[in-house]
Amino acid sequence: MQKHRTARLPLLTLVLLFLLFEQPVYAYVDPGAGSLLWQILVAGLVGVLFYVRRLLGLLFVRKKEGKPCQPPQQ
C-alpha cells in the first residue's frame, strides 16, 4: 500500500505547484473542436466494434462443410 502513496506524491506536488504559480493563458479553442473530438471517439469505437465482431466471427463460427449432392430418392 505504501508503494501507491509514494507514486502519487510527485503528481500531487506537480498539481500543487501549478495551482500556486498560475498565470493567465491567452489561447483560443475553436467551438467545433469538441464536436470533432466526439466524432473521433465515436468513429474509433465503431471501428473497434467491427474489428472485434469480425475477430470473434473468425474464431467461433465454423464454416459449413460442403455435402455432396445426392440424387433424389424414387
N, C-alpha and C. Protein backbone atom coordinates (compact mmCIF):
# COMPACT_ATOMS: atom_id res chain seq x y z
N MET A 1 0.82 -1.20 0.00
CA MET A 1 0.00 0.00 0.00
C MET A 1 0.86 1.26 0.00
N GLN A 2 2.00 1.18 0.64
CA GLN A 2 2.91 2.33 0.71
C GLN A 2 3.44 2.69 -0.67
N LYS A 3 3.57 1.69 -1.53
CA LYS A 3 4.10 1.93 -2.87
C LYS A 3 3.19 2.87 -3.67
N HIS A 4 1.89 2.71 -3.54
CA HIS A 4 0.94 3.57 -4.26
C HIS A 4 0.99 5.01 -3.76
N ARG A 5 1.19 5.17 -2.47
CA ARG A 5 1.24 6.53 -1.92
C ARG A 5 2.46 7.28 -2.42
N THR A 6 3.60 6.60 -2.49
CA THR A 6 4.82 7.28 -2.96
C THR A 6 4.75 7.56 -4.45
N ALA A 7 3.99 6.78 -5.19
CA ALA A 7 3.85 7.04 -6.62
C ALA A 7 2.98 8.26 -6.88
N ARG A 8 2.05 8.54 -6.00
CA ARG A 8 1.16 9.69 -6.17
C ARG A 8 1.78 11.00 -5.70
N LEU A 9 2.80 10.92 -4.87
CA LEU A 9 3.39 12.13 -4.29
C LEU A 9 3.95 13.09 -5.34
N PRO A 10 4.72 12.64 -6.33
CA PRO A 10 5.21 13.60 -7.34
C PRO A 10 4.08 14.24 -8.15
N LEU A 11 3.04 13.48 -8.44
CA LEU A 11 1.92 14.03 -9.19
C LEU A 11 1.19 15.09 -8.36
N LEU A 12 0.97 14.81 -7.10
CA LEU A 12 0.31 15.77 -6.23
C LEU A 12 1.15 17.04 -6.08
N THR A 13 2.46 16.88 -5.95
CA THR A 13 3.35 18.03 -5.85
C THR A 13 3.29 18.88 -7.11
N LEU A 14 3.27 18.24 -8.26
CA LEU A 14 3.20 18.97 -9.52
C LEU A 14 1.90 19.75 -9.65
N VAL A 15 0.79 19.14 -9.27
CA VAL A 15 -0.51 19.82 -9.33
C VAL A 15 -0.53 21.02 -8.39
N LEU A 16 0.00 20.84 -7.21
CA LEU A 16 0.03 21.97 -6.26
C LEU A 16 0.92 23.11 -6.77
N LEU A 17 2.04 22.78 -7.39
CA LEU A 17 2.89 23.83 -7.95
C LEU A 17 2.19 24.58 -9.08
N PHE A 18 1.46 23.85 -9.92
CA PHE A 18 0.70 24.52 -10.99
C PHE A 18 -0.36 25.45 -10.42
N LEU A 19 -0.99 25.05 -9.33
CA LEU A 19 -2.02 25.89 -8.73
C LEU A 19 -1.42 27.11 -8.03
N LEU A 20 -0.24 26.95 -7.45
CA LEU A 20 0.38 28.07 -6.74
C LEU A 20 0.93 29.13 -7.69
N PHE A 21 1.46 28.72 -8.82
CA PHE A 21 2.09 29.65 -9.75
C PHE A 21 1.29 29.80 -11.03
N GLU A 22 0.01 29.99 -10.90
CA GLU A 22 -0.82 30.10 -12.10
C GLU A 22 -0.60 31.44 -12.78
N GLN A 23 -0.72 31.42 -14.10
CA GLN A 23 -0.57 32.61 -14.92
C GLN A 23 -1.69 32.61 -15.95
N PRO A 24 -2.08 33.78 -16.42
CA PRO A 24 -3.11 33.82 -17.45
C PRO A 24 -2.59 33.23 -18.76
N VAL A 25 -3.46 32.51 -19.43
CA VAL A 25 -3.10 31.90 -20.70
C VAL A 25 -4.02 32.49 -21.76
N TYR A 26 -3.42 33.02 -22.80
CA TYR A 26 -4.20 33.61 -23.87
C TYR A 26 -4.23 32.63 -25.04
N ALA A 27 -5.26 31.82 -25.03
CA ALA A 27 -5.38 30.79 -26.06
C ALA A 27 -6.82 30.78 -26.56
N TYR A 28 -7.00 30.26 -27.75
CA TYR A 28 -8.32 30.18 -28.34
C TYR A 28 -8.57 28.73 -28.76
N VAL A 29 -9.71 28.23 -28.34
CA VAL A 29 -10.12 26.88 -28.74
C VAL A 29 -11.36 27.05 -29.60
N ASP A 30 -11.30 26.53 -30.80
CA ASP A 30 -12.41 26.62 -31.73
C ASP A 30 -13.63 25.89 -31.16
N PRO A 31 -14.84 26.46 -31.29
CA PRO A 31 -16.03 25.80 -30.75
C PRO A 31 -16.29 24.43 -31.38
N GLY A 32 -15.84 24.22 -32.60
CA GLY A 32 -16.06 22.93 -33.25
C GLY A 32 -15.08 21.86 -32.81
N ALA A 33 -14.11 22.21 -31.98
CA ALA A 33 -13.11 21.23 -31.55
C ALA A 33 -13.74 20.13 -30.70
N GLY A 34 -14.70 20.48 -29.88
CA GLY A 34 -15.36 19.48 -29.05
C GLY A 34 -16.13 18.46 -29.88
N SER A 35 -16.85 18.95 -30.89
CA SER A 35 -17.59 18.01 -31.73
C SER A 35 -16.64 17.16 -32.57
N LEU A 36 -15.50 17.71 -32.94
CA LEU A 36 -14.52 16.92 -33.68
C LEU A 36 -13.97 15.80 -32.80
N LEU A 37 -13.70 16.10 -31.53
CA LEU A 37 -13.23 15.07 -30.62
C LEU A 37 -14.28 13.98 -30.42
N TRP A 38 -15.55 14.37 -30.28
CA TRP A 38 -16.62 13.36 -30.15
C TRP A 38 -16.69 12.50 -31.41
N GLN A 39 -16.56 13.11 -32.56
CA GLN A 39 -16.62 12.36 -33.82
C GLN A 39 -15.46 11.36 -33.90
N ILE A 40 -14.28 11.76 -33.47
CA ILE A 40 -13.13 10.86 -33.48
C ILE A 40 -13.37 9.69 -32.52
N LEU A 41 -13.87 9.99 -31.32
CA LEU A 41 -14.13 8.94 -30.34
C LEU A 41 -15.18 7.94 -30.82
N VAL A 42 -16.28 8.44 -31.38
CA VAL A 42 -17.35 7.56 -31.86
C VAL A 42 -16.87 6.72 -33.04
N ALA A 43 -16.15 7.33 -33.97
CA ALA A 43 -15.64 6.57 -35.12
C ALA A 43 -14.65 5.50 -34.67
N GLY A 44 -13.81 5.82 -33.71
CA GLY A 44 -12.88 4.82 -33.19
C GLY A 44 -13.59 3.68 -32.51
N LEU A 45 -14.62 4.00 -31.72
CA LEU A 45 -15.39 2.96 -31.03
C LEU A 45 -16.10 2.06 -32.02
N VAL A 46 -16.72 2.63 -33.04
CA VAL A 46 -17.41 1.83 -34.05
C VAL A 46 -16.41 0.96 -34.80
N GLY A 47 -15.24 1.49 -35.12
CA GLY A 47 -14.22 0.71 -35.80
C GLY A 47 -13.74 -0.46 -34.95
N VAL A 48 -13.55 -0.22 -33.66
CA VAL A 48 -13.12 -1.30 -32.77
C VAL A 48 -14.21 -2.36 -32.67
N LEU A 49 -15.47 -1.95 -32.59
CA LEU A 49 -16.56 -2.92 -32.50
C LEU A 49 -16.64 -3.78 -33.75
N PHE A 50 -16.47 -3.21 -34.93
CA PHE A 50 -16.49 -4.00 -36.15
C PHE A 50 -15.30 -4.97 -36.19
N TYR A 51 -14.15 -4.51 -35.75
CA TYR A 51 -12.97 -5.38 -35.74
C TYR A 51 -13.17 -6.55 -34.79
N VAL A 52 -13.68 -6.28 -33.58
CA VAL A 52 -13.91 -7.34 -32.59
C VAL A 52 -14.97 -8.31 -33.11
N ARG A 53 -16.01 -7.80 -33.73
CA ARG A 53 -17.06 -8.67 -34.28
C ARG A 53 -16.47 -9.59 -35.34
N ARG A 54 -15.64 -9.06 -36.20
CA ARG A 54 -15.02 -9.87 -37.25
C ARG A 54 -14.09 -10.91 -36.64
N LEU A 55 -13.31 -10.50 -35.65
CA LEU A 55 -12.38 -11.41 -35.00
C LEU A 55 -13.12 -12.54 -34.30
N LEU A 56 -14.19 -12.20 -33.58
CA LEU A 56 -14.97 -13.23 -32.91
C LEU A 56 -15.65 -14.15 -33.91
N GLY A 57 -16.09 -13.60 -35.03
CA GLY A 57 -16.69 -14.42 -36.07
C GLY A 57 -15.70 -15.42 -36.64
N LEU A 58 -14.47 -15.00 -36.83
CA LEU A 58 -13.46 -15.91 -37.35
C LEU A 58 -13.08 -16.98 -36.34
N LEU A 59 -13.14 -16.65 -35.05
CA LEU A 59 -12.74 -17.60 -34.03
C LEU A 59 -13.82 -18.63 -33.70
N PHE A 60 -15.08 -18.20 -33.66
CA PHE A 60 -16.12 -19.06 -33.14
C PHE A 60 -17.07 -19.64 -34.18
N VAL A 61 -17.13 -19.09 -35.35
CA VAL A 61 -18.05 -19.59 -36.36
C VAL A 61 -17.31 -20.57 -37.26
N ARG A 62 -17.82 -21.76 -37.32
CA ARG A 62 -17.21 -22.76 -38.18
C ARG A 62 -17.86 -22.70 -39.55
N LYS A 63 -17.05 -22.93 -40.54
CA LYS A 63 -17.59 -22.93 -41.89
C LYS A 63 -18.43 -24.19 -42.08
N LYS A 64 -19.51 -24.05 -42.82
CA LYS A 64 -20.35 -25.21 -43.10
C LYS A 64 -19.62 -26.13 -44.08
N GLU A 65 -19.59 -27.38 -43.72
CA GLU A 65 -18.93 -28.34 -44.59
C GLU A 65 -19.82 -28.62 -45.79
N GLY A 66 -19.23 -28.63 -46.96
CA GLY A 66 -19.99 -28.90 -48.18
C GLY A 66 -20.35 -30.38 -48.27
N LYS A 67 -21.62 -30.66 -48.38
CA LYS A 67 -22.07 -32.04 -48.52
C LYS A 67 -22.29 -32.34 -49.99
N PRO A 68 -21.88 -33.51 -50.42
CA PRO A 68 -22.10 -33.84 -51.83
C PRO A 68 -23.59 -33.97 -52.14
N CYS A 69 -23.96 -33.57 -53.32
CA CYS A 69 -25.35 -33.66 -53.74
C CYS A 69 -25.74 -35.12 -53.95
N GLN A 70 -26.90 -35.48 -53.41
CA GLN A 70 -27.39 -36.83 -53.59
C GLN A 70 -28.56 -36.81 -54.58
N PRO A 71 -28.63 -37.80 -55.42
CA PRO A 71 -29.77 -37.83 -56.34
C PRO A 71 -31.06 -38.07 -55.58
N PRO A 72 -32.16 -37.54 -56.09
CA PRO A 72 -33.43 -37.72 -55.38
C PRO A 72 -33.82 -39.21 -55.32
N GLN A 73 -34.40 -39.60 -54.19
CA GLN A 73 -34.83 -40.98 -53.98
C GLN A 73 -36.17 -41.20 -54.65
N GLN A 74 -36.32 -42.39 -55.33
CA GLN A 74 -37.59 -42.68 -56.01
C GLN A 74 -38.30 -43.82 -55.36
